[in-house]
Amino acid sequence: MKKSALALLVAALSVQASEDVHLLPAGEFVGRDGRPGKNLTWKLSDEQGRALAAQMNKRHERVKFQLDYEHQSMLSEENGKPAPASGWATTFEWRAGDGLYATNVQWTATAKQMIEALEYQYISPVILYDEKTGVVTGVINAALVGIPALDLNPVAQQRVARMNASFASSPTNPEQSPMNPILKALLAALGLAETATEQEATTAVATLKAQAESVGGLNTQIAALKAQTPDPTKWAPVETVNTLNTEIAALRSSVATREVDELIERARAEGKVVAAVEPVWRELGKSNLAQLKALVDSTPANPALAGKTQTGGKAPGKEGGNEEGSAAELAICKNMGMTLAEYRAGADA
């Protein structure tokens, strides 16, 4: 007697670190912070994307592509802090209409744990591009960040665990076989028809589990509150409490506003923000000061925006192009194993 297996999803969703990392979108795109500039866009057609993937596969056959945290590899020369890797990649592919992916990424144990704990969810690439056309010509590395500059798939992906249960069916025509009574009862308990798909069963189980966890947590809180015995000596008039809360809220708002102003002023002085983006940064600072600080710290300084010159007052091209590079240029060269001249030649191509 033949048997056919009927799979029923009975486990809930969990999070895992994706092995396929979305590095760049397809088509024309801009950064959330306004880059690459007013009326400008970055570009990557399917043809250009395939060529870029081939270039990166060849470049990283022997030297792996690095992923780090908060672009620290680009900043270590300035702040002197270590720049540990969060992962490594050696293979890349272009997915038509979707973008560039690093495949089979090897996350470090620390990074994998942080992603699955939702401490990091997004990726941010460091790119090279043609300043005249906007076409992306290279990806130096990528970083785990809290605030992504581009619209990319998150690295924290939902995972579904499965448990398969085998049930006996008709030895002749499975399509005409009566449904196993256990499976039929399970579908009915979930409020599903006998013709329900596997996806519908998955969704119903996940919803039921979430509801159970929510109710269980609420019941625990109610029980804890009921067990408390109020102490009248610790009570205060509602008017007094409201007045104190108002004063505390005003004080916190004043301190937060001052801290946001200081961060924006520092970003402006270091050439990290333009006037058009300042309102967005201020709104971010009002809701999450820590994220604004992280954004200011991780954004490369631009001497031109700060009213300075890229060469620090030195004449460009001095001594046959061997002038000292900026901290960002030197960090990029170190990361890619290139000389300053080779990098500048590539960036100008």
Protein backbone atom coordinates (compact mmCIF):
# COMPACT_ATOMS: atom_id res chain seq x y z
CA MET A 1 0.00 0.00 0.00
CA LYS A 2 1.50 3.34 -1.07
CA LYS A 3 1.52 6.36 1.18
CA SER A 4 1.86 10.12 0.43
CA ALA A 5 3.24 12.63 2.93
CA LEU A 6 1.17 15.66 3.86
CA ALA A 7 3.28 18.44 5.45
CA LEU A 8 1.78 20.66 8.15
CA LEU A 9 3.63 23.75 9.38
CA VAL A 10 3.54 23.74 13.16
CA ALA A 11 6.46 25.98 14.12
CA ALA A 12 6.63 29.77 14.38
CA LEU A 13 8.79 32.31 12.61
CA SER A 14 12.26 33.15 13.87
CA VAL A 15 15.10 35.38 12.58
CA GLN A 16 18.33 34.37 10.90
CA ALA A 17 21.26 36.19 9.28
CA SER A 18 20.82 35.99 5.52
CA GLU A 19 23.68 34.43 3.54
CA ASP A 20 22.69 36.47 0.45
CA VAL A 21 23.40 40.16 1.12
CA HIS A 22 21.79 42.83 -1.07
CA LEU A 23 24.62 45.31 -1.83
CA LEU A 24 23.11 47.59 -4.50
CA PRO A 25 19.66 48.13 -6.06
CA ALA A 26 19.03 48.08 -9.80
CA GLY A 27 18.23 51.16 -11.89
CA GLU A 28 18.57 54.75 -10.68
CA PHE A 29 18.73 55.45 -6.97
CA VAL A 30 19.76 58.07 -4.39
CA GLY A 31 20.78 57.96 -0.74
CA ARG A 32 18.41 58.85 2.08
CA ASP A 33 20.82 61.66 2.97
CA GLY A 34 20.56 63.26 -0.49
CA ARG A 35 23.68 61.80 -2.06
CA PRO A 36 25.10 61.87 -4.69
CA GLY A 37 23.78 65.48 -4.90
CA LYS A 38 21.07 67.76 -6.20
CA ASN A 39 19.50 66.49 -9.44
CA LEU A 40 22.01 63.60 -9.48
CA THR A 41 21.45 59.84 -9.17
CA TRP A 42 23.51 56.68 -8.98
CA LYS A 43 22.84 54.28 -11.86
CA LEU A 44 23.22 50.56 -12.47
CA SER A 45 21.54 48.87 -15.44
CA ASP A 46 21.30 45.08 -15.79
CA GLU A 47 24.20 45.11 -18.26
CA GLN A 48 26.36 47.30 -15.99
CA GLY A 49 25.38 45.21 -12.96
CA ARG A 50 26.42 41.95 -14.62
CA ALA A 51 29.78 43.49 -15.53
CA LEU A 52 30.25 44.75 -11.96
CA ALA A 53 29.44 41.30 -10.50
CA ALA A 54 31.96 39.67 -12.85
CA GLN A 55 34.59 42.25 -11.89
CA MET A 56 34.04 41.64 -8.17
CA ASN A 57 34.10 37.84 -8.55
CA LYS A 58 37.50 38.12 -10.21
CA ARG A 59 38.84 40.68 -7.70
CA HIS A 60 37.84 38.63 -4.66
CA GLU A 61 38.94 35.18 -5.80
CA ARG A 62 41.94 35.37 -3.46
CA VAL A 63 41.29 38.39 -1.23
CA LYS A 64 37.87 38.21 0.41
CA PHE A 65 35.38 41.07 0.35
CA GLN A 66 35.03 42.51 3.87
CA LEU A 67 31.90 43.48 5.76
CA ASP A 68 32.40 45.47 8.98
CA TYR A 69 30.39 47.49 11.50
CA GLU A 70 29.31 51.15 10.99
CA HIS A 71 32.02 51.72 8.29
CA GLN A 72 34.77 51.54 10.92
CA SER A 73 37.27 50.30 8.28
CA MET A 74 36.92 53.72 6.64
CA LEU A 75 37.24 55.60 9.92
CA SER A 76 39.95 53.73 11.86
CA GLU A 77 42.74 55.97 10.55
CA GLU A 78 40.91 58.97 12.03
CA ASN A 79 39.59 57.65 15.32
CA GLY A 80 42.21 54.99 16.05
CA LYS A 81 39.57 52.40 16.93
CA PRO A 82 39.77 48.78 15.73
CA ALA A 83 37.79 47.74 12.67
CA PRO A 84 36.72 44.10 13.15
CA ALA A 85 35.02 42.29 10.31
CA SER A 86 31.40 41.26 10.61
CA GLY A 87 31.60 38.90 7.64
CA TRP A 88 33.38 37.90 4.43
CA ALA A 89 32.31 37.18 0.85
CA THR A 90 33.98 35.86 -2.30
CA THR A 91 31.11 35.39 -4.75
CA PHE A 92 28.71 37.92 -6.24
CA GLU A 93 25.79 37.84 -8.64
CA TRP A 94 23.58 40.33 -10.43
CA ARG A 95 19.85 39.64 -10.24
CA ALA A 96 18.05 41.30 -13.14
CA GLY A 97 15.77 44.13 -12.05
CA ASP A 98 16.72 43.59 -8.40
CA GLY A 99 20.40 44.39 -7.87
CA LEU A 100 23.85 43.18 -6.81
CA TYR A 101 24.18 40.46 -4.17
CA ALA A 102 27.08 39.00 -2.21
CA THR A 103 26.24 35.30 -1.98
CA ASN A 104 27.15 32.69 0.63
CA VAL A 105 28.35 35.37 3.05
CA GLN A 106 30.32 33.97 5.99
CA TRP A 107 29.14 35.97 9.03
CA THR A 108 31.31 36.00 12.13
CA ALA A 109 29.77 34.41 15.22
CA THR A 110 29.41 37.85 16.84
CA ALA A 111 27.75 39.43 13.81
CA LYS A 112 25.37 36.47 13.34
CA GLN A 113 24.32 36.72 16.98
CA MET A 114 23.77 40.50 16.73
CA ILE A 115 21.72 40.16 13.53
CA GLU A 116 19.53 37.40 14.95
CA ALA A 117 19.03 39.50 18.10
CA LEU A 118 17.91 42.35 15.77
CA GLU A 119 20.74 44.59 16.99
CA TYR A 120 21.64 45.09 13.32
CA GLN A 121 19.24 44.66 10.39
CA TYR A 122 20.63 46.67 7.50
CA ILE A 123 23.65 46.86 5.20
CA SER A 124 25.41 49.93 3.77
CA PRO A 125 27.89 49.66 0.85
CA VAL A 126 30.89 51.92 0.19
CA ILE A 127 30.86 52.55 -3.57
CA LEU A 128 32.94 54.07 -6.34
CA TYR A 129 31.09 55.81 -9.17
CA ASP A 130 31.61 57.98 -12.23
CA GLU A 131 30.90 61.55 -11.10
CA LYS A 132 29.82 62.58 -14.60
CA THR A 133 27.39 59.76 -15.36
CA GLY A 134 26.56 58.46 -11.87
CA VAL A 135 27.29 54.86 -12.96
CA VAL A 136 28.54 52.73 -10.04
CA THR A 137 31.96 51.30 -10.93
CA GLY A 138 32.91 49.43 -7.75
CA VAL A 139 32.02 48.38 -4.22
CA ILE A 140 34.88 48.70 -1.72
CA ASN A 141 33.21 47.03 1.26
CA ALA A 142 29.92 47.04 3.18
CA ALA A 143 28.91 47.61 6.78
CA LEU A 144 26.21 46.54 9.18
CA VAL A 145 24.34 49.71 10.18
CA GLY A 146 21.26 50.79 12.06
CA ILE A 147 20.29 53.48 9.53
CA PRO A 148 20.77 52.41 5.88
CA ALA A 149 21.51 54.98 3.18
CA LEU A 150 19.96 52.87 0.42
CA ASP A 151 16.73 50.89 0.04
CA LEU A 152 18.09 47.33 0.33
CA ASN A 153 16.76 44.02 1.64
CA PRO A 154 17.49 43.61 5.37
CA VAL A 155 20.10 41.04 6.42
CA ALA A 156 17.81 39.86 9.24
CA GLN A 157 15.46 37.45 7.47
CA GLN A 158 12.41 35.59 8.73
CA ARG A 159 12.88 31.81 8.94
CA VAL A 160 10.20 29.14 9.16
CA ALA A 161 10.97 25.89 10.95
CA ARG A 162 9.04 22.88 9.69
CA MET A 163 7.86 19.60 11.19
CA ASN A 164 6.53 17.03 8.73
CA ALA A 165 3.85 14.54 9.68
CA SER A 166 3.13 11.61 7.36
CA PHE A 167 -0.41 10.39 7.00
CA ALA A 168 -1.77 7.31 5.20
CA SER A 169 -3.71 7.95 2.01
CA SER A 170 -5.37 6.02 -0.76
CA PRO A 171 -3.18 3.54 -2.69
CA THR A 172 -4.73 4.61 -5.99
CA ASN A 173 -5.50 8.27 -6.68
CA PRO A 174 -4.21 10.74 -4.00
CA GLU A 175 -6.38 13.55 -5.36
CA GLN A 176 -9.53 11.54 -4.63
CA SER A 177 -8.29 10.20 -1.27
CA PRO A 178 -10.16 11.21 1.88
CA MET A 179 -8.20 13.62 4.09
CA ASN A 180 -6.61 12.11 7.14
CA PRO A 181 -8.93 12.88 10.10
CA ILE A 182 -6.09 14.27 12.25
CA LEU A 183 -5.05 16.76 9.56
CA LYS A 184 -8.69 17.63 8.92
CA ALA A 185 -9.22 18.36 12.62
CA LEU A 186 -6.08 20.53 12.78
CA LEU A 187 -7.19 22.62 9.80
CA ALA A 188 -10.64 23.05 11.32
CA ALA A 189 -9.08 24.18 14.63
CA LEU A 190 -7.13 26.81 12.72
CA GLY A 191 -10.31 27.99 11.00
CA LEU A 192 -9.11 26.80 7.58
CA ALA A 193 -10.86 24.85 4.83
CA GLU A 194 -9.70 21.37 3.82
CA THR A 195 -8.34 22.92 0.60
CA ALA A 196 -6.06 25.34 2.48
CA THR A 197 -2.53 25.77 1.12
CA GLU A 198 0.66 25.24 3.09
CA GLN A 199 1.23 29.02 3.15
CA GLU A 200 -2.23 29.59 4.64
CA ALA A 201 -1.51 26.99 7.31
CA THR A 202 1.85 28.65 8.09
CA THR A 203 0.25 32.06 8.51
CA ALA A 204 -2.54 30.72 10.71
CA VAL A 205 -0.09 28.93 13.04
CA ALA A 206 2.15 32.02 13.33
CA THR A 207 -0.87 34.24 14.11
CA LEU A 208 -2.16 31.82 16.71
CA LYS A 209 1.23 31.64 18.41
CA ALA A 210 1.57 35.45 18.50
CA GLN A 211 -1.89 35.78 20.03
CA ALA A 212 -1.06 33.17 22.68
CA GLU A 213 2.17 34.92 23.61
CA SER A 214 0.41 38.30 23.79
CA VAL A 215 -2.39 37.01 26.02
CA GLY A 216 0.07 35.12 28.22
CA GLY A 217 2.19 38.21 28.76
CA LEU A 218 -0.87 40.35 29.54
CA ASN A 219 -2.16 37.82 32.08
CA THR A 220 1.22 37.78 33.80
CA GLN A 221 1.23 41.59 34.10
CA ILE A 222 -2.34 41.63 35.45
CA ALA A 223 -1.48 38.99 38.05
CA ALA A 224 1.59 40.95 39.15
CA LEU A 225 -0.45 44.14 39.54
CA LYS A 226 -3.13 42.35 41.54
CA ALA A 227 -0.47 40.96 43.89
CA GLN A 228 0.82 44.44 44.76
CA THR A 229 -0.46 46.08 47.95
CA PRO A 230 -0.67 49.88 47.57
CA ASP A 231 1.17 51.96 50.19
CA PRO A 232 -0.89 55.15 50.91
CA THR A 233 2.19 56.92 52.35
CA LYS A 234 3.82 56.81 48.90
CA TRP A 235 0.93 58.37 47.06
CA ALA A 236 0.94 61.96 45.77
CA PRO A 237 -1.88 64.21 44.49
CA VAL A 238 -2.54 63.81 40.76
CA GLU A 239 -2.05 67.58 40.22
CA THR A 240 1.43 67.45 41.76
CA VAL A 241 2.44 64.44 39.68
CA ASN A 242 1.16 66.06 36.47
CA THR A 243 3.05 69.31 37.23
CA LEU A 244 6.29 67.42 37.89
CA ASN A 245 5.87 65.36 34.73
CA THR A 246 5.35 68.51 32.67
CA GLU A 247 8.46 70.16 34.12
CA ILE A 248 10.55 67.02 33.59
CA ALA A 249 9.32 66.69 29.99
CA ALA A 250 10.20 70.36 29.29
CA LEU A 251 13.66 69.90 30.80
CA ARG A 252 14.31 66.75 28.78
CA SER A 253 13.13 68.46 25.60
CA SER A 254 15.47 71.39 26.25
CA VAL A 255 18.44 69.11 26.86
CA ALA A 256 17.62 66.97 23.82
CA THR A 257 17.28 70.06 21.60
CA ARG A 258 20.65 71.35 22.79
CA GLU A 259 22.32 67.99 22.14
CA VAL A 260 20.80 67.82 18.64
CA ASP A 261 21.99 71.38 17.93
CA GLU A 262 25.51 70.46 19.06
CA LEU A 263 25.58 67.34 16.87
CA ILE A 264 24.29 69.22 13.82
CA GLU A 265 26.78 72.03 14.43
CA ARG A 266 29.63 69.50 14.63
CA ALA A 267 28.43 67.77 11.44
CA ARG A 268 28.25 71.15 9.68
CA ALA A 269 31.76 72.10 10.85
CA GLU A 270 33.18 68.77 9.67
CA GLY A 271 31.43 68.96 6.31
CA LYS A 272 29.17 65.99 6.94
CA VAL A 273 25.75 67.53 6.28
CA VAL A 274 24.25 69.93 3.77
CA ALA A 275 21.50 72.43 4.52
CA ALA A 276 18.90 70.46 2.57
CA VAL A 277 19.41 67.39 4.76
CA GLU A 278 19.64 69.18 8.13
CA PRO A 279 15.85 69.09 8.82
CA VAL A 280 15.81 65.31 8.28
CA TRP A 281 18.75 64.85 10.67
CA ARG A 282 17.07 67.10 13.28
CA GLU A 283 13.86 65.09 13.14
CA LEU A 284 15.89 61.91 13.57
CA GLY A 285 17.68 63.45 16.58
CA LYS A 286 14.37 64.37 18.24
CA SER A 287 13.13 60.78 18.05
CA ASN A 288 16.44 58.94 18.52
CA LEU A 289 19.51 60.90 19.60
CA ALA A 290 21.70 57.79 19.63
CA GLN A 291 20.95 57.08 15.96
CA LEU A 292 21.73 60.68 15.00
CA LYS A 293 25.07 60.47 16.83
CA ALA A 294 25.86 57.19 15.05
CA LEU A 295 24.95 58.79 11.71
CA VAL A 296 27.20 61.81 12.33
CA ASP A 297 30.07 59.59 13.51
CA SER A 298 29.84 57.25 10.50
CA THR A 299 29.40 59.90 7.78
CA PRO A 300 32.73 60.73 6.07
CA ALA A 301 33.81 64.36 6.40
CA ASN A 302 33.78 66.52 3.28
CA PRO A 303 36.23 69.46 3.55
CA ALA A 304 34.45 71.25 0.71
CA LEU A 305 31.17 71.37 2.63
CA ALA A 306 33.04 72.72 5.65
CA GLY A 307 34.54 75.55 3.60
CA LYS A 308 37.94 73.88 3.35
CA THR A 309 39.89 72.45 0.42
CA GLN A 310 40.29 68.78 -0.36
CA THR A 311 44.09 69.17 -0.31
CA GLY A 312 44.34 71.14 2.94
CA GLY A 313 45.85 74.14 1.18
CA LYS A 314 48.46 72.18 -0.80
CA ALA A 315 48.73 72.63 -4.54
CA PRO A 316 47.16 69.65 -6.39
CA GLY A 317 49.45 67.47 -8.45
CA LYS A 318 52.58 68.47 -6.54
CA GLU A 319 55.61 66.23 -7.16
CA GLY A 320 53.97 64.23 -9.93
CA GLY A 321 50.78 63.30 -8.05
CA ASN A 322 52.44 61.94 -4.92
CA GLU A 323 50.79 64.48 -2.59
CA GLU A 324 49.46 63.17 0.70
CA GLY A 325 45.95 61.72 0.40
CA SER A 326 42.99 62.37 2.72
CA ALA A 327 42.25 60.03 5.59
CA ALA A 328 39.27 58.58 3.69
CA GLU A 329 41.40 58.00 0.54
CA LEU A 330 44.17 56.32 2.53
CA ALA A 331 41.63 54.10 4.31
CA ILE A 332 40.12 53.04 0.97
CA CYS A 333 43.56 52.30 -0.51
CA LYS A 334 44.51 50.24 2.53
CA ASN A 335 41.27 48.27 2.36
CA MET A 336 41.63 47.54 -1.40
CA GLY A 337 45.39 46.98 -1.47
CA MET A 338 45.93 49.83 -3.94
CA THR A 339 48.29 52.79 -4.13
CA LEU A 340 46.93 56.33 -3.89
CA ALA A 341 47.72 56.92 -7.57
CA GLU A 342 45.96 53.69 -8.64
CA TYR A 343 42.88 54.60 -6.60
CA ARG A 344 42.70 58.13 -8.03
CA ALA A 345 43.18 56.83 -11.54
CA GLY A 346 40.30 54.38 -10.99
CA ALA A 347 38.03 56.98 -9.38
CA ASP A 348 38.62 59.41 -12.27
CA ALA A 349 37.93 56.77 -14.94
